[in-house]
Amino acid sequence: MNDASPLPVVIIGGGFSGAMLAARLAERGQASVLIERGDIIGLGVAYSTLNDAHRLNVRAGRMSAVADRPDDFIDWLAAHCPQQADPDGFAPRRLYGLYVRDRLDAVEAAHPGLIRRICGAVIAVDGRSAILSTGERIEGRAVVLATGNPAPRTTPAGEDGRIIANPWTPDALTPIQPDDDVLILGAGLTMVDVLLTLTAQGWRGWATAVSRRGLLP
């Protein structure tokens, strides 16, 4: 998609992928509409955490969001959080979310009018249009789905208070007592986040992780 169009590209999902796509399109002169159902664009689930124990799973020196500036994230860290500016380190994901937001803001400032932000829910996609819960229809030359992973499927809400479906919800893990044993379904990066969070709040119980392959990250 090298030629600019008078119609915008409609991007559904305002996390990392959606935000950086909007930025790259703007740099090419292509307008976009960036739709995010949450209040903040640029974070998504991964980078919206406020817990600095939640780390990137790639070394900071390889996390630039700008293809032709491989040290861009390290340079940003040096300016905003020097103690984390280690190319071989694993920076807090919270900082990477702030970096993504800064990069999107910088592109918007350099290319005014090419990115329209909407905080709202898309209820349907009709061809090359997105229909919002307000009834507004956003016409585009293309629709991009950048909605990330779906939420995990569990028992109906409220059926069993011991089941925590979304461990990233603020205070989701606080009901777990220091000596409680914990069963974690899945042995990936979310498991690591959960254990780091529990350890930081003084938990000292046993954890059992169950996964199909039994492999650690």
C-alpha atoms as a PDB file:
ATOM      1  CA  MET A   1       0.000   0.000   0.000  1.00  0.00           C
ATOM      2  CA  ASN A   2       2.382   2.664  -1.266  1.00  0.00           C
ATOM      3  CA  ASP A   3      -0.094   5.105  -2.826  1.00  0.00           C
ATOM      4  CA  ALA A   4      -1.985   7.468  -0.573  1.00  0.00           C
ATOM      5  CA  SER A   5      -5.777   7.382  -0.781  1.00  0.00           C
ATOM      6  CA  PRO A   6      -8.340  10.029   0.165  1.00  0.00           C
ATOM      7  CA  LEU A   7     -10.114   7.317   2.135  1.00  0.00           C
ATOM      8  CA  PRO A   8      -8.485   6.366   5.437  1.00  0.00           C
ATOM      9  CA  VAL A   9      -7.353   2.938   6.494  1.00  0.00           C
ATOM     10  CA  VAL A  10      -9.590   1.866   9.386  1.00  0.00           C
ATOM     11  CA  ILE A  11      -7.575   0.209  12.152  1.00  0.00           C
ATOM     12  CA  ILE A  12      -9.525  -1.638  14.838  1.00  0.00           C
ATOM     13  CA  GLY A  13      -7.394  -2.012  17.946  1.00  0.00           C
ATOM     14  CA  GLY A  14      -5.140   0.625  19.453  1.00  0.00           C
ATOM     15  CA  GLY A  15      -2.401  -1.472  21.013  1.00  0.00           C
ATOM     16  CA  PHE A  16       1.163  -1.704  19.716  1.00  0.00           C
ATOM     17  CA  SER A  17       0.291  -3.125  16.285  1.00  0.00           C
ATOM     18  CA  GLY A  18      -2.525  -0.684  15.581  1.00  0.00           C
ATOM     19  CA  ALA A  19      -0.624   2.345  16.844  1.00  0.00           C
ATOM     20  CA  MET A  20       2.545   1.586  14.905  1.00  0.00           C
ATOM     21  CA  LEU A  21       0.594   0.793  11.739  1.00  0.00           C
ATOM     22  CA  ALA A  22      -1.109   4.192  11.977  1.00  0.00           C
ATOM     23  CA  ALA A  23       2.299   5.815  12.459  1.00  0.00           C
ATOM     24  CA  ARG A  24       3.874   4.087   9.461  1.00  0.00           C
ATOM     25  CA  LEU A  25       0.897   4.933   7.241  1.00  0.00           C
ATOM     26  CA  ALA A  26       1.058   8.593   8.264  1.00  0.00           C
ATOM     27  CA  GLU A  27       4.747   8.706   7.369  1.00  0.00           C
ATOM     28  CA  ARG A  28       3.737   7.566   3.872  1.00  0.00           C
ATOM     29  CA  GLY A  29       1.023  10.182   3.616  1.00  0.00           C
ATOM     30  CA  GLN A  30      -1.863   7.765   4.162  1.00  0.00           C
ATOM     31  CA  ALA A  31      -4.615   8.787   6.568  1.00  0.00           C
ATOM     32  CA  SER A  32      -6.018   6.321   9.078  1.00  0.00           C
ATOM     33  CA  VAL A  33      -8.687   6.052  11.740  1.00  0.00           C
ATOM     34  CA  LEU A  34      -7.407   4.310  14.868  1.00  0.00           C
ATOM     35  CA  ILE A  35     -10.214   2.833  16.968  1.00  0.00           C
ATOM     36  CA  GLU A  36      -9.577   1.592  20.508  1.00  0.00           C
ATOM     37  CA  ARG A  37     -12.321   0.497  22.896  1.00  0.00           C
ATOM     38  CA  GLY A  38     -10.227   1.447  25.937  1.00  0.00           C
ATOM     39  CA  ASP A  39      -9.323   4.902  27.157  1.00  0.00           C
ATOM     40  CA  ILE A  40      -5.659   4.881  26.140  1.00  0.00           C
ATOM     41  CA  ILE A  41      -4.213   4.247  22.698  1.00  0.00           C
ATOM     42  CA  GLY A  42      -0.812   2.619  22.282  1.00  0.00           C
ATOM     43  CA  LEU A  43      -0.689   0.248  25.240  1.00  0.00           C
ATOM     44  CA  GLY A  44      -2.858  -2.781  24.600  1.00  0.00           C
ATOM     45  CA  VAL A  45      -2.942  -5.524  27.222  1.00  0.00           C
ATOM     46  CA  ALA A  46       0.786  -6.231  27.196  1.00  0.00           C
ATOM     47  CA  TYR A  47       1.995  -2.703  27.906  1.00  0.00           C
ATOM     48  CA  SER A  48      -0.811  -1.385  30.090  1.00  0.00           C
ATOM     49  CA  THR A  49       0.581  -3.035  33.222  1.00  0.00           C
ATOM     50  CA  LEU A  50       1.705  -0.709  36.010  1.00  0.00           C
ATOM     51  CA  ASN A  51       3.800  -3.405  37.671  1.00  0.00           C
ATOM     52  CA  ASP A  52       7.499  -2.930  36.927  1.00  0.00           C
ATOM     53  CA  ALA A  53       8.093  -6.598  37.713  1.00  0.00           C
ATOM     54  CA  HIS A  54       6.399  -7.345  34.385  1.00  0.00           C
ATOM     55  CA  ARG A  55       9.290  -7.287  31.920  1.00  0.00           C
ATOM     56  CA  LEU A  56       9.760  -7.434  28.183  1.00  0.00           C
ATOM     57  CA  ASN A  57      10.651 -10.904  26.939  1.00  0.00           C
ATOM     58  CA  VAL A  58      13.124  -9.473  24.388  1.00  0.00           C
ATOM     59  CA  ARG A  59      16.275  -7.536  25.237  1.00  0.00           C
ATOM     60  CA  ALA A  60      15.768  -3.772  25.115  1.00  0.00           C
ATOM     61  CA  GLY A  61      18.381  -3.346  22.393  1.00  0.00           C
ATOM     62  CA  ARG A  62      16.170  -5.299  19.995  1.00  0.00           C
ATOM     63  CA  MET A  63      12.890  -3.516  20.772  1.00  0.00           C
ATOM     64  CA  SER A  64      13.068  -0.418  18.575  1.00  0.00           C
ATOM     65  CA  ALA A  65       9.724   0.378  16.960  1.00  0.00           C
ATOM     66  CA  VAL A  66      11.486   2.265  14.137  1.00  0.00           C
ATOM     67  CA  ALA A  67      13.018   0.001  11.505  1.00  0.00           C
ATOM     68  CA  ASP A  68      15.826   2.312  10.401  1.00  0.00           C
ATOM     69  CA  ARG A  69      16.742   3.394  13.947  1.00  0.00           C
ATOM     70  CA  PRO A  70      17.673   0.187  15.796  1.00  0.00           C
ATOM     71  CA  ASP A  71      18.728   2.083  18.931  1.00  0.00           C
ATOM     72  CA  ASP A  72      15.554   4.156  19.127  1.00  0.00           C
ATOM     73  CA  PHE A  73      14.155   2.462  22.240  1.00  0.00           C
ATOM     74  CA  ILE A  74      17.527   2.568  24.015  1.00  0.00           C
ATOM     75  CA  ASP A  75      17.864   6.263  23.169  1.00  0.00           C
ATOM     76  CA  TRP A  76      14.361   6.871  24.543  1.00  0.00           C
ATOM     77  CA  LEU A  77      15.223   5.001  27.741  1.00  0.00           C
ATOM     78  CA  ALA A  78      18.436   7.011  28.129  1.00  0.00           C
ATOM     79  CA  ALA A  79      16.390  10.213  27.969  1.00  0.00           C
ATOM     80  CA  HIS A  80      13.462   9.128  30.145  1.00  0.00           C
ATOM     81  CA  CYS A  81      14.687   6.335  32.444  1.00  0.00           C
ATOM     82  CA  PRO A  82      18.508   6.097  32.280  1.00  0.00           C
ATOM     83  CA  GLN A  83      18.775   3.283  34.821  1.00  0.00           C
ATOM     84  CA  GLN A  84      16.914   1.008  32.387  1.00  0.00           C
ATOM     85  CA  ALA A  85      18.940   1.959  29.276  1.00  0.00           C
ATOM     86  CA  ASP A  86      20.786  -1.357  29.064  1.00  0.00           C
ATOM     87  CA  PRO A  87      20.659  -2.916  25.578  1.00  0.00           C
ATOM     88  CA  ASP A  88      21.048  -6.377  27.116  1.00  0.00           C
ATOM     89  CA  GLY A  89      18.462  -5.811  29.841  1.00  0.00           C
ATOM     90  CA  PHE A  90      14.754  -6.597  29.935  1.00  0.00           C
ATOM     91  CA  ALA A  91      12.995  -3.303  30.558  1.00  0.00           C
ATOM     92  CA  PRO A  92       9.614  -3.035  32.312  1.00  0.00           C
ATOM     93  CA  ARG A  93       6.761  -3.371  29.833  1.00  0.00           C
ATOM     94  CA  ARG A  94       5.187  -0.250  31.324  1.00  0.00           C
ATOM     95  CA  LEU A  95       8.073   1.803  29.928  1.00  0.00           C
ATOM     96  CA  TYR A  96       7.699   0.276  26.501  1.00  0.00           C
ATOM     97  CA  GLY A  97       4.059   1.314  26.462  1.00  0.00           C
ATOM     98  CA  LEU A  98       5.069   4.901  27.205  1.00  0.00           C
ATOM     99  CA  TYR A  99       7.654   4.686  24.423  1.00  0.00           C
ATOM    100  CA  VAL A 100       5.041   3.510  21.903  1.00  0.00           C
ATOM    101  CA  ARG A 101       2.722   6.358  22.890  1.00  0.00           C
ATOM    102  CA  ASP A 102       5.546   8.882  22.519  1.00  0.00           C
ATOM    103  CA  ARG A 103       6.432   7.591  19.074  1.00  0.00           C
ATOM    104  CA  LEU A 104       2.815   7.795  17.919  1.00  0.00           C
ATOM    105  CA  ASP A 105       2.504  11.328  19.306  1.00  0.00           C
ATOM    106  CA  ALA A 106       5.701  12.358  17.492  1.00  0.00           C
ATOM    107  CA  VAL A 107       4.435  11.059  14.156  1.00  0.00           C
ATOM    108  CA  GLU A 108       1.098  12.829  14.645  1.00  0.00           C
ATOM    109  CA  ALA A 109       2.908  16.091  15.357  1.00  0.00           C
ATOM    110  CA  ALA A 110       5.028  15.685  12.226  1.00  0.00           C
ATOM    111  CA  HIS A 111       2.063  14.666  10.027  1.00  0.00           C
ATOM    112  CA  PRO A 112      -0.961  16.550  11.386  1.00  0.00           C
ATOM    113  CA  GLY A 113      -4.412  15.481  10.326  1.00  0.00           C
ATOM    114  CA  LEU A 114      -3.466  12.006   9.112  1.00  0.00           C
ATOM    115  CA  ILE A 115      -4.387  10.024  12.233  1.00  0.00           C
ATOM    116  CA  ARG A 116      -7.862  10.234  13.723  1.00  0.00           C
ATOM    117  CA  ARG A 117      -8.222   8.616  17.130  1.00  0.00           C
ATOM    118  CA  ILE A 118     -11.529   7.184  18.326  1.00  0.00           C
ATOM    119  CA  CYS A 119     -12.091   5.616  21.749  1.00  0.00           C
ATOM    120  CA  GLY A 120     -15.120   3.425  21.201  1.00  0.00           C
ATOM    121  CA  ALA A 121     -16.342  -0.098  20.510  1.00  0.00           C
ATOM    122  CA  VAL A 122     -16.716  -1.582  17.040  1.00  0.00           C
ATOM    123  CA  ILE A 123     -19.791  -3.799  16.871  1.00  0.00           C
ATOM    124  CA  ALA A 124     -19.575  -4.837  13.213  1.00  0.00           C
ATOM    125  CA  VAL A 125     -17.414  -4.697  10.120  1.00  0.00           C
ATOM    126  CA  ASP A 126     -19.289  -4.278   6.847  1.00  0.00           C
ATOM    127  CA  GLY A 127     -16.987  -4.640   3.873  1.00  0.00           C
ATOM    128  CA  ARG A 128     -14.530  -1.770   4.203  1.00  0.00           C
ATOM    129  CA  SER A 129     -16.486  -0.023   6.941  1.00  0.00           C
ATOM    130  CA  ALA A 130     -16.508  -0.271  10.715  1.00  0.00           C
ATOM    131  CA  ILE A 131     -19.708   0.366  12.652  1.00  0.00           C
ATOM    132  CA  LEU A 132     -19.358   1.772  16.161  1.00  0.00           C
ATOM    133  CA  SER A 133     -21.652   1.139  19.111  1.00  0.00           C
ATOM    134  CA  THR A 134     -22.823   4.743  18.715  1.00  0.00           C
ATOM    135  CA  GLY A 135     -24.128   3.899  15.250  1.00  0.00           C
ATOM    136  CA  GLU A 136     -21.414   5.865  13.461  1.00  0.00           C
ATOM    137  CA  ARG A 137     -20.087   4.192  10.319  1.00  0.00           C
ATOM    138  CA  ILE A 138     -16.412   4.723   9.488  1.00  0.00           C
ATOM    139  CA  GLU A 139     -15.721   4.255   5.775  1.00  0.00           C
ATOM    140  CA  GLY A 140     -12.235   3.286   4.655  1.00  0.00           C
ATOM    141  CA  ARG A 141     -10.150   1.948   1.804  1.00  0.00           C
ATOM    142  CA  ALA A 142      -9.377  -1.059   3.987  1.00  0.00           C
ATOM    143  CA  VAL A 143     -10.108  -2.386   7.466  1.00  0.00           C
ATOM    144  CA  VAL A 144      -7.288  -3.813   9.576  1.00  0.00           C
ATOM    145  CA  LEU A 145      -8.056  -6.002  12.590  1.00  0.00           C
ATOM    146  CA  ALA A 146      -5.405  -5.356  15.251  1.00  0.00           C
ATOM    147  CA  THR A 147      -7.380  -6.594  18.232  1.00  0.00           C
ATOM    148  CA  GLY A 148      -4.762  -8.881  19.773  1.00  0.00           C
ATOM    149  CA  ASN A 149      -5.528 -12.162  21.489  1.00  0.00           C
ATOM    150  CA  PRO A 150      -9.071 -12.913  22.640  1.00  0.00           C
ATOM    151  CA  ALA A 151      -9.789 -13.116  26.343  1.00  0.00           C
ATOM    152  CA  PRO A 152      -9.458 -16.614  27.848  1.00  0.00           C
ATOM    153  CA  ARG A 153     -12.598 -18.701  28.140  1.00  0.00           C
ATOM    154  CA  THR A 154     -13.427 -19.774  31.688  1.00  0.00           C
ATOM    155  CA  THR A 155     -16.478 -20.616  33.747  1.00  0.00           C
ATOM    156  CA  PRO A 156     -19.187 -17.925  33.805  1.00  0.00           C
ATOM    157  CA  ALA A 157     -18.286 -14.891  35.890  1.00  0.00           C
ATOM    158  CA  GLY A 158     -19.167 -15.265  39.521  1.00  0.00           C
ATOM    159  CA  GLU A 159     -19.609 -19.037  39.407  1.00  0.00           C
ATOM    160  CA  ASP A 160     -16.400 -19.676  41.338  1.00  0.00           C
ATOM    161  CA  GLY A 161     -14.559 -16.843  43.047  1.00  0.00           C
ATOM    162  CA  ARG A 162     -11.337 -18.848  43.053  1.00  0.00           C
ATOM    163  CA  ILE A 163     -11.020 -18.529  39.271  1.00  0.00           C
ATOM    164  CA  ILE A 164      -9.155 -15.426  38.095  1.00  0.00           C
ATOM    165  CA  ALA A 165      -9.811 -15.067  34.375  1.00  0.00           C
ATOM    166  CA  ASN A 166      -7.836 -11.871  33.850  1.00  0.00           C
ATOM    167  CA  PRO A 167      -4.715 -11.603  36.027  1.00  0.00           C
ATOM    168  CA  TRP A 168      -3.908  -8.131  34.633  1.00  0.00           C
ATOM    169  CA  THR A 169      -6.999  -6.547  36.133  1.00  0.00           C
ATOM    170  CA  PRO A 170      -5.928  -4.161  38.931  1.00  0.00           C
ATOM    171  CA  ASP A 171      -5.817  -6.040  42.248  1.00  0.00           C
ATOM    172  CA  ALA A 172      -6.863  -9.296  40.551  1.00  0.00           C
ATOM    173  CA  LEU A 173      -4.355 -11.309  42.587  1.00  0.00           C
ATOM    174  CA  THR A 174      -4.767  -9.556  45.937  1.00  0.00           C
ATOM    175  CA  PRO A 175      -7.356 -12.097  47.219  1.00  0.00           C
ATOM    176  CA  ILE A 176      -4.614 -14.752  47.140  1.00  0.00           C
ATOM    177  CA  GLN A 177      -3.280 -15.157  50.670  1.00  0.00           C
ATOM    178  CA  PRO A 178       0.451 -15.555  51.469  1.00  0.00           C
ATOM    179  CA  ASP A 179       0.185 -19.305  52.145  1.00  0.00           C
ATOM    180  CA  ASP A 180      -2.353 -20.177  49.437  1.00  0.00           C
ATOM    181  CA  ASP A 181      -1.414 -22.752  46.816  1.00  0.00           C
ATOM    182  CA  VAL A 182      -2.071 -21.668  43.242  1.00  0.00           C
ATOM    183  CA  LEU A 183      -2.957 -23.595  40.084  1.00  0.00           C
ATOM    184  CA  ILE A 184      -1.977 -21.800  36.866  1.00  0.00           C
ATOM    185  CA  LEU A 185      -3.413 -22.958  33.535  1.00  0.00           C
ATOM    186  CA  GLY A 186      -0.616 -22.367  31.043  1.00  0.00           C
ATOM    187  CA  ALA A 187       3.137 -22.131  31.497  1.00  0.00           C
ATOM    188  CA  GLY A 188       3.933 -19.161  29.288  1.00  0.00           C
ATOM    189  CA  LEU A 189       4.726 -15.521  29.924  1.00  0.00           C
ATOM    190  CA  THR A 190       1.466 -14.888  31.782  1.00  0.00           C
ATOM    191  CA  MET A 191       2.548 -17.503  34.307  1.00  0.00           C
ATOM    192  CA  VAL A 192       5.776 -15.559  34.821  1.00  0.00           C
ATOM    193  CA  ASP A 193       3.817 -12.328  35.320  1.00  0.00           C
ATOM    194  CA  VAL A 194       1.548 -13.992  37.878  1.00  0.00           C
ATOM    195  CA  LEU A 195       4.430 -15.453  39.882  1.00  0.00           C
ATOM    196  CA  LEU A 196       6.357 -12.174  39.874  1.00  0.00           C
ATOM    197  CA  THR A 197       3.275 -10.288  41.040  1.00  0.00           C
ATOM    198  CA  LEU A 198       2.515 -12.789  43.794  1.00  0.00           C
ATOM    199  CA  THR A 199       6.121 -12.805  44.999  1.00  0.00           C
ATOM    200  CA  ALA A 200       6.134  -9.007  45.179  1.00  0.00           C
ATOM    201  CA  GLN A 201       3.049  -9.084  47.435  1.00  0.00           C
ATOM    202  CA  GLY A 202       4.634 -11.526  49.889  1.00  0.00           C
ATOM    203  CA  TRP A 203       3.140 -14.780  48.656  1.00  0.00           C
ATOM    204  CA  ARG A 204       5.054 -17.923  49.714  1.00  0.00           C
ATOM    205  CA  GLY A 205       2.763 -20.786  48.736  1.00  0.00           C
ATOM    206  CA  TRP A 206       3.192 -23.492  46.110  1.00  0.00           C
ATOM    207  CA  ALA A 207       2.351 -22.982  42.440  1.00  0.00           C
ATOM    208  CA  THR A 208       1.486 -25.723  39.961  1.00  0.00           C
ATOM    209  CA  ALA A 209       1.469 -24.808  36.272  1.00  0.00           C
ATOM    210  CA  VAL A 210      -0.423 -27.041  33.832  1.00  0.00           C
ATOM    211  CA  SER A 211       0.176 -26.796  30.096  1.00  0.00           C
ATOM    212  CA  ARG A 212      -0.211 -29.005  27.044  1.00  0.00           C
ATOM    213  CA  ARG A 213       3.521 -29.135  26.332  1.00  0.00           C
ATOM    214  CA  GLY A 214       5.069 -28.588  29.750  1.00  0.00           C
ATOM    215  CA  LEU A 215       7.591 -26.095  28.372  1.00  0.00           C
ATOM    216  CA  LEU A 216       8.726 -22.950  30.152  1.00  0.00           C
ATOM    217  CA  PRO A 217       9.204 -19.636  28.292  1.00  0.00           C
END
